[in-house]
Amino acid sequence: MLFQYPEIYLASASPRRHEILLQMQVPHTVLQVPSPPGEDEPRLPGEAPADYVRRTAMDKAQRALAWLRANALEPRPILAADTTVILGNDILGKPDGPADAASMLARLSGTAHEVHTAIVLALPAGWLRNGVCAEEDRLLDDVSITQVHFKHLNPREIARYCDSGEPYGKAGSYGIQGLAGAFIEHIAGSYSGVMGLPVFETARLLDTI
């Protein structure tokens, strides 16, 4: 093993985040934490998109800590993440149907937008590291920001992509690792961050513990 990481919990049902941790050789268990009602957490009045994504990632980490304790699970570091597609001052969340997905893709067509993925590493009280037991919770966070440039999409391309089923369950109605990769002229930032878990920032947080 090139790097030695502690065993952690992944507080996410995303198969892409699970796969990225496997590629990083991070030993982990997926923690099935119930989501709050609704598909996406509401944005607070006047909240900037960049603040929203960091807050929602922190909220996920705190819910995971509470779930860990409520179920008397072994204390281990918990990794939580949230990915947000930002166009101007708007947050493009997960589409609620074909029409919504097509509308988002039409807005992204021929533009540059940002993908923010915020990550939080929660170190629970009681976690034993190097023979030392943590006395209180610690929360470490970081964020990856990537600019993504879409080519101009025609209505047929949008309709065919929506028919593929790929837009659903994904922020901004697309996944860079799938068919939508053909829409992206270039990115400036982290490919893995757009997928949902930035490798560099994740490794940097894990290296601090």
Protein backbone atom coordinates (compact mmCIF):
# COMPACT_ATOMS: atom_id res chain seq x y z
CA MET A 1 0.00 0.00 0.00
CA LEU A 2 1.42 3.36 -1.07
CA PHE A 3 -0.31 5.35 1.68
CA GLN A 4 -1.46 4.24 5.11
CA TYR A 5 -4.89 5.58 6.02
CA PRO A 6 -6.96 4.83 9.12
CA GLU A 7 -10.22 2.94 8.73
CA ILE A 8 -13.09 5.40 8.40
CA TYR A 9 -16.84 5.62 7.88
CA LEU A 10 -18.19 7.15 4.67
CA ALA A 11 -21.38 9.05 5.47
CA SER A 12 -22.70 8.86 1.91
CA ALA A 13 -24.67 6.43 -0.20
CA SER A 14 -22.97 7.72 -3.36
CA PRO A 15 -21.37 4.82 -5.28
CA ARG A 16 -18.94 7.29 -6.86
CA ARG A 17 -17.55 8.38 -3.48
CA HIS A 18 -17.25 4.75 -2.43
CA GLU A 19 -15.36 3.93 -5.64
CA ILE A 20 -12.99 6.88 -5.22
CA LEU A 21 -12.10 5.80 -1.68
CA LEU A 22 -11.44 2.29 -2.97
CA GLN A 23 -9.11 3.74 -5.61
CA MET A 24 -7.33 5.69 -2.88
CA GLN A 25 -7.00 2.47 -0.85
CA VAL A 26 -8.79 4.05 2.10
CA PRO A 27 -10.36 1.29 4.24
CA HIS A 28 -13.93 2.31 4.95
CA THR A 29 -17.46 1.25 5.78
CA VAL A 30 -20.49 3.02 4.33
CA LEU A 31 -22.54 4.55 7.14
CA GLN A 32 -26.23 4.48 6.25
CA VAL A 33 -27.41 7.72 7.89
CA PRO A 34 -31.06 8.58 7.19
CA SER A 35 -31.42 11.73 5.08
CA PRO A 36 -33.59 14.63 6.20
CA PRO A 37 -36.95 15.03 4.44
CA GLY A 38 -36.71 16.27 0.85
CA GLU A 39 -34.20 15.66 -1.94
CA ASP A 40 -31.94 18.64 -1.18
CA GLU A 41 -31.48 20.69 1.94
CA PRO A 42 -33.05 24.14 1.66
CA ARG A 43 -30.87 27.16 1.07
CA LEU A 44 -31.09 29.73 3.85
CA PRO A 45 -32.29 33.25 3.01
CA GLY A 46 -29.39 35.32 1.67
CA GLU A 47 -26.99 32.36 1.85
CA ALA A 48 -24.23 32.41 -0.77
CA PRO A 49 -23.88 29.18 -2.79
CA ALA A 50 -20.30 28.67 -1.53
CA ASP A 51 -21.52 28.93 2.08
CA TYR A 52 -24.44 26.58 1.37
CA VAL A 53 -22.27 23.68 0.23
CA ARG A 54 -19.93 23.96 3.22
CA ARG A 55 -22.85 24.15 5.63
CA THR A 56 -24.64 21.14 4.17
CA ALA A 57 -21.46 19.03 4.29
CA MET A 58 -20.99 20.04 7.93
CA ASP A 59 -24.64 19.18 8.67
CA LYS A 60 -24.12 15.72 7.16
CA ALA A 61 -21.06 15.15 9.34
CA GLN A 62 -22.90 16.19 12.48
CA ARG A 63 -25.87 13.94 11.67
CA ALA A 64 -23.43 11.08 11.14
CA LEU A 65 -21.81 11.69 14.53
CA ALA A 66 -25.24 11.61 16.17
CA TRP A 67 -26.10 8.38 14.28
CA LEU A 68 -22.82 6.81 15.37
CA ARG A 69 -23.63 7.44 19.02
CA ALA A 70 -27.32 6.54 18.77
CA ASN A 71 -26.38 3.13 17.38
CA ALA A 72 -23.38 2.57 19.69
CA LEU A 73 -21.03 2.04 16.74
CA GLU A 74 -17.27 1.87 17.10
CA PRO A 75 -15.78 5.39 17.09
CA ARG A 76 -13.91 6.01 13.84
CA PRO A 77 -13.34 9.08 11.66
CA ILE A 78 -16.34 9.93 9.49
CA LEU A 79 -16.07 11.45 6.02
CA ALA A 80 -19.03 13.47 4.75
CA ALA A 81 -19.33 15.45 1.53
CA ASP A 82 -21.69 17.59 -0.47
CA THR A 83 -21.43 18.56 -4.14
CA THR A 84 -23.14 21.64 -5.54
CA VAL A 85 -23.36 22.94 -9.11
CA ILE A 86 -23.33 26.74 -9.14
CA LEU A 87 -24.35 28.90 -12.10
CA GLY A 88 -24.04 32.58 -11.24
CA ASN A 89 -25.80 32.90 -7.91
CA ASP A 90 -28.04 29.89 -8.51
CA ILE A 91 -27.66 26.38 -7.12
CA LEU A 92 -28.62 23.65 -9.56
CA GLY A 93 -29.63 20.66 -7.48
CA LYS A 94 -30.91 17.23 -8.45
CA PRO A 95 -33.68 17.34 -11.07
CA ASP A 96 -37.18 16.34 -10.10
CA GLY A 97 -38.03 15.00 -13.54
CA PRO A 98 -37.22 15.12 -17.28
CA ALA A 99 -38.44 18.67 -17.80
CA ASP A 100 -36.37 19.96 -14.89
CA ALA A 101 -33.28 18.10 -16.11
CA ALA A 102 -33.70 19.45 -19.65
CA SER A 103 -34.11 22.98 -18.28
CA MET A 104 -30.89 22.75 -16.25
CA LEU A 105 -28.91 21.36 -19.17
CA ALA A 106 -30.20 24.13 -21.43
CA ARG A 107 -28.99 26.68 -18.88
CA LEU A 108 -25.56 25.03 -18.70
CA SER A 109 -25.25 24.87 -22.49
CA GLY A 110 -22.43 27.04 -23.81
CA THR A 111 -21.52 28.38 -20.37
CA ALA A 112 -18.95 27.98 -17.62
CA HIS A 113 -20.16 27.03 -14.16
CA GLU A 114 -18.56 25.98 -10.89
CA VAL A 115 -18.77 22.69 -9.05
CA HIS A 116 -18.03 22.95 -5.33
CA THR A 117 -17.48 19.78 -3.32
CA ALA A 118 -17.11 20.39 0.40
CA ILE A 119 -15.74 17.60 2.58
CA VAL A 120 -15.77 17.22 6.35
CA LEU A 121 -13.75 14.75 8.39
CA ALA A 122 -15.37 14.24 11.78
CA LEU A 123 -13.15 12.77 14.49
CA PRO A 124 -15.45 11.46 17.24
CA ALA A 125 -14.74 11.50 20.93
CA GLY A 126 -13.57 8.06 21.98
CA TRP A 127 -11.63 7.38 18.78
CA LEU A 128 -8.32 5.74 19.58
CA ARG A 129 -5.41 6.95 17.46
CA ASN A 130 -1.79 6.01 18.18
CA GLY A 131 -2.79 4.88 21.66
CA VAL A 132 -4.46 8.21 22.50
CA CYS A 133 -8.22 8.43 23.03
CA ALA A 134 -9.90 11.60 21.71
CA GLU A 135 -11.73 13.41 24.51
CA GLU A 136 -14.02 15.50 22.29
CA ASP A 137 -15.29 15.69 18.72
CA ARG A 138 -13.22 17.48 16.08
CA LEU A 139 -14.49 18.62 12.68
CA LEU A 140 -12.02 19.31 9.86
CA ASP A 141 -13.21 20.64 6.51
CA ASP A 142 -12.00 21.57 3.05
CA VAL A 143 -13.53 22.43 -0.32
CA SER A 144 -12.70 21.76 -3.96
CA ILE A 145 -13.79 24.34 -6.56
CA THR A 146 -13.74 23.42 -10.24
CA GLN A 147 -14.78 25.47 -13.25
CA VAL A 148 -16.55 23.40 -15.89
CA HIS A 149 -17.07 24.61 -19.48
CA PHE A 150 -19.98 23.09 -21.42
CA LYS A 151 -20.20 23.13 -25.20
CA HIS A 152 -23.39 24.40 -26.85
CA LEU A 153 -26.01 21.67 -26.63
CA ASN A 154 -28.80 21.29 -29.16
CA PRO A 155 -32.29 20.15 -28.11
CA ARG A 156 -31.71 16.67 -29.53
CA GLU A 157 -28.58 16.14 -27.43
CA ILE A 158 -30.40 17.28 -24.31
CA ALA A 159 -33.38 15.02 -25.01
CA ARG A 160 -31.20 11.96 -25.70
CA TYR A 161 -29.21 12.54 -22.52
CA CYS A 162 -32.38 12.87 -20.45
CA ASP A 163 -33.69 9.65 -22.05
CA SER A 164 -30.52 7.85 -20.90
CA GLY A 165 -31.56 8.27 -17.28
CA GLU A 166 -28.15 9.64 -16.27
CA PRO A 167 -29.28 13.12 -15.13
CA TYR A 168 -31.36 11.85 -12.25
CA GLY A 169 -29.94 11.86 -8.76
CA LYS A 170 -27.09 14.14 -9.83
CA ALA A 171 -26.52 17.80 -8.97
CA GLY A 172 -26.87 19.94 -12.09
CA SER A 173 -28.47 17.01 -13.95
CA TYR A 174 -25.19 15.51 -15.18
CA GLY A 175 -22.31 13.25 -14.23
CA ILE A 176 -18.88 14.04 -15.65
CA GLN A 177 -17.87 10.36 -15.57
CA GLY A 178 -20.74 9.28 -17.84
CA LEU A 179 -22.22 10.29 -21.18
CA ALA A 180 -22.11 13.97 -20.23
CA GLY A 181 -18.33 13.86 -20.50
CA ALA A 182 -18.94 14.49 -24.22
CA PHE A 183 -20.52 17.86 -23.34
CA ILE A 184 -17.52 19.20 -21.42
CA GLU A 185 -14.96 21.17 -23.39
CA HIS A 186 -12.56 21.51 -20.47
CA ILE A 187 -12.33 21.90 -16.72
CA ALA A 188 -10.08 23.93 -14.44
CA GLY A 189 -9.77 22.13 -11.14
CA SER A 190 -10.49 18.63 -9.87
CA TYR A 191 -12.10 15.93 -12.02
CA SER A 192 -12.69 13.77 -8.94
CA GLY A 193 -14.18 16.81 -7.18
CA VAL A 194 -16.79 17.10 -9.93
CA MET A 195 -17.49 13.37 -9.49
CA GLY A 196 -18.25 14.03 -5.83
CA LEU A 197 -15.07 13.45 -3.81
CA PRO A 198 -11.85 15.39 -4.51
CA VAL A 199 -8.91 13.04 -4.09
CA PHE A 200 -6.32 15.70 -3.28
CA GLU A 201 -8.36 17.45 -0.59
CA THR A 202 -9.54 14.15 0.90
CA ALA A 203 -6.00 12.83 1.16
CA ARG A 204 -4.85 16.11 2.66
CA LEU A 205 -7.46 15.88 5.43
CA LEU A 206 -6.68 12.22 6.13
CA ASP A 207 -2.97 13.02 6.29
CA THR A 208 -3.61 15.40 9.22
CA ILE A 209 -4.77 12.64 11.58
